[in-house]
Amino acid sequence: MSLTKDFQVSKGVYQEKLRFFTPEAELVLTPEEVAQQAEQEKERAE
């Protein structure tokens, strides 16, 4: 079983860290980044 084959993601370096990217070359967010993005959206809505 290969994570990159099963989920169709590729590995790369972003800001000096190993990260995953979608087939469209979009960065896959970490759970922390998703939470931070949700918090920012919540603040904008207020």
N, C-alpha and C. Protein backbone atom coordinates (compact mmCIF):
# COMPACT_ATOMS: atom_id res chain seq x y z
N MET A 1 0.85 -1.18 0.00
CA MET A 1 0.00 0.00 0.00
C MET A 1 0.89 1.23 0.00
N SER A 2 0.60 2.13 -0.91
CA SER A 2 1.38 3.36 -1.02
C SER A 2 0.45 4.56 -0.89
N LEU A 3 0.73 5.41 0.06
CA LEU A 3 -0.11 6.58 0.29
C LEU A 3 -0.21 7.44 -0.96
N THR A 4 0.91 7.67 -1.63
CA THR A 4 0.89 8.54 -2.79
C THR A 4 0.10 7.93 -3.95
N LYS A 5 0.09 6.60 -4.08
CA LYS A 5 -0.68 5.97 -5.16
C LYS A 5 -2.15 5.83 -4.78
N ASP A 6 -2.44 5.42 -3.55
CA ASP A 6 -3.82 5.21 -3.12
C ASP A 6 -4.63 6.50 -3.10
N PHE A 7 -4.01 7.60 -2.71
CA PHE A 7 -4.73 8.87 -2.60
C PHE A 7 -4.38 9.85 -3.70
N GLN A 8 -3.60 9.44 -4.66
CA GLN A 8 -3.20 10.26 -5.80
C GLN A 8 -2.63 11.61 -5.36
N VAL A 9 -1.70 11.58 -4.45
CA VAL A 9 -1.00 12.79 -4.04
C VAL A 9 0.48 12.60 -4.33
N SER A 10 1.18 13.72 -4.42
CA SER A 10 2.62 13.64 -4.60
C SER A 10 3.29 14.34 -3.43
N LYS A 11 4.56 14.03 -3.23
CA LYS A 11 5.31 14.63 -2.15
C LYS A 11 6.19 15.74 -2.72
N GLY A 12 6.42 16.75 -1.90
CA GLY A 12 7.31 17.82 -2.30
C GLY A 12 7.70 18.64 -1.09
N VAL A 13 8.55 19.61 -1.32
CA VAL A 13 9.02 20.47 -0.24
C VAL A 13 8.36 21.84 -0.40
N TYR A 14 7.79 22.33 0.70
CA TYR A 14 7.15 23.64 0.74
C TYR A 14 7.59 24.31 2.03
N GLN A 15 8.18 25.48 1.93
CA GLN A 15 8.68 26.21 3.09
C GLN A 15 9.59 25.33 3.94
N GLU A 16 10.50 24.63 3.27
CA GLU A 16 11.50 23.77 3.91
C GLU A 16 10.91 22.59 4.69
N LYS A 17 9.68 22.20 4.35
CA LYS A 17 9.04 21.06 5.00
C LYS A 17 8.51 20.11 3.93
N LEU A 18 8.56 18.80 4.23
CA LEU A 18 8.00 17.82 3.32
C LEU A 18 6.49 17.88 3.41
N ARG A 19 5.83 18.05 2.26
CA ARG A 19 4.37 18.21 2.23
C ARG A 19 3.78 17.35 1.12
N PHE A 20 2.46 17.21 1.13
CA PHE A 20 1.74 16.51 0.07
C PHE A 20 1.05 17.52 -0.82
N PHE A 21 0.93 17.15 -2.11
CA PHE A 21 0.27 18.00 -3.10
C PHE A 21 -0.73 17.17 -3.88
N THR A 22 -1.84 17.81 -4.30
CA THR A 22 -2.85 17.14 -5.11
C THR A 22 -2.32 16.97 -6.53
N PRO A 23 -3.02 16.18 -7.36
CA PRO A 23 -2.59 16.05 -8.76
C PRO A 23 -2.59 17.39 -9.50
N GLU A 24 -3.36 18.35 -8.99
CA GLU A 24 -3.42 19.68 -9.61
C GLU A 24 -2.33 20.61 -9.05
N ALA A 25 -1.40 20.04 -8.28
CA ALA A 25 -0.27 20.77 -7.67
C ALA A 25 -0.71 21.74 -6.57
N GLU A 26 -1.85 21.46 -5.94
CA GLU A 26 -2.30 22.28 -4.81
C GLU A 26 -1.81 21.65 -3.51
N LEU A 27 -1.39 22.49 -2.60
CA LEU A 27 -0.90 22.04 -1.31
C LEU A 27 -2.02 21.41 -0.49
N VAL A 28 -1.78 20.25 0.10
CA VAL A 28 -2.74 19.61 1.00
C VAL A 28 -2.50 20.20 2.38
N LEU A 29 -3.53 20.82 2.94
CA LEU A 29 -3.39 21.49 4.23
C LEU A 29 -3.28 20.49 5.37
N THR A 30 -2.52 20.88 6.39
CA THR A 30 -2.44 20.07 7.61
C THR A 30 -3.70 20.33 8.43
N PRO A 31 -4.02 19.48 9.40
CA PRO A 31 -5.19 19.73 10.25
C PRO A 31 -5.10 21.09 10.96
N GLU A 32 -3.90 21.49 11.35
CA GLU A 32 -3.72 22.79 12.00
C GLU A 32 -4.04 23.94 11.04
N GLU A 33 -3.61 23.80 9.79
CA GLU A 33 -3.88 24.84 8.79
C GLU A 33 -5.38 24.92 8.48
N VAL A 34 -6.06 23.78 8.46
CA VAL A 34 -7.50 23.77 8.22
C VAL A 34 -8.21 24.50 9.37
N ALA A 35 -7.81 24.22 10.61
CA ALA A 35 -8.43 24.87 11.77
C ALA A 35 -8.16 26.37 11.75
N GLN A 36 -6.95 26.75 11.40
CA GLN A 36 -6.60 28.17 11.34
C GLN A 36 -7.42 28.87 10.25
N GLN A 37 -7.58 28.24 9.12
CA GLN A 37 -8.36 28.80 8.02
C GLN A 37 -9.82 28.96 8.44
N ALA A 38 -10.37 27.97 9.13
CA ALA A 38 -11.76 28.04 9.59
C ALA A 38 -11.94 29.18 10.59
N GLU A 39 -10.97 29.36 11.48
CA GLU A 39 -11.03 30.45 12.45
C GLU A 39 -10.99 31.81 11.76
N GLN A 40 -10.15 31.94 10.75
CA GLN A 40 -10.05 33.20 10.02
C GLN A 40 -11.35 33.50 9.28
N GLU A 41 -11.97 32.49 8.71
CA GLU A 41 -13.24 32.67 7.99
C GLU A 41 -14.33 33.07 8.98
N LYS A 42 -14.32 32.46 10.15
CA LYS A 42 -15.30 32.79 11.21
C LYS A 42 -15.16 34.25 11.61
N GLU A 43 -13.93 34.70 11.79
CA GLU A 43 -13.68 36.09 12.19
C GLU A 43 -14.14 37.06 11.12
N ARG A 44 -13.94 36.71 9.86
CA ARG A 44 -14.36 37.58 8.74
C ARG A 44 -15.89 37.69 8.69
N ALA A 45 -16.59 36.63 9.06
CA ALA A 45 -18.05 36.60 9.00
C ALA A 45 -18.69 37.43 10.11
N GLU A 46 -17.95 37.71 11.16
CA GLU A 46 -18.53 38.45 12.29
C GLU A 46 -18.59 39.92 12.02
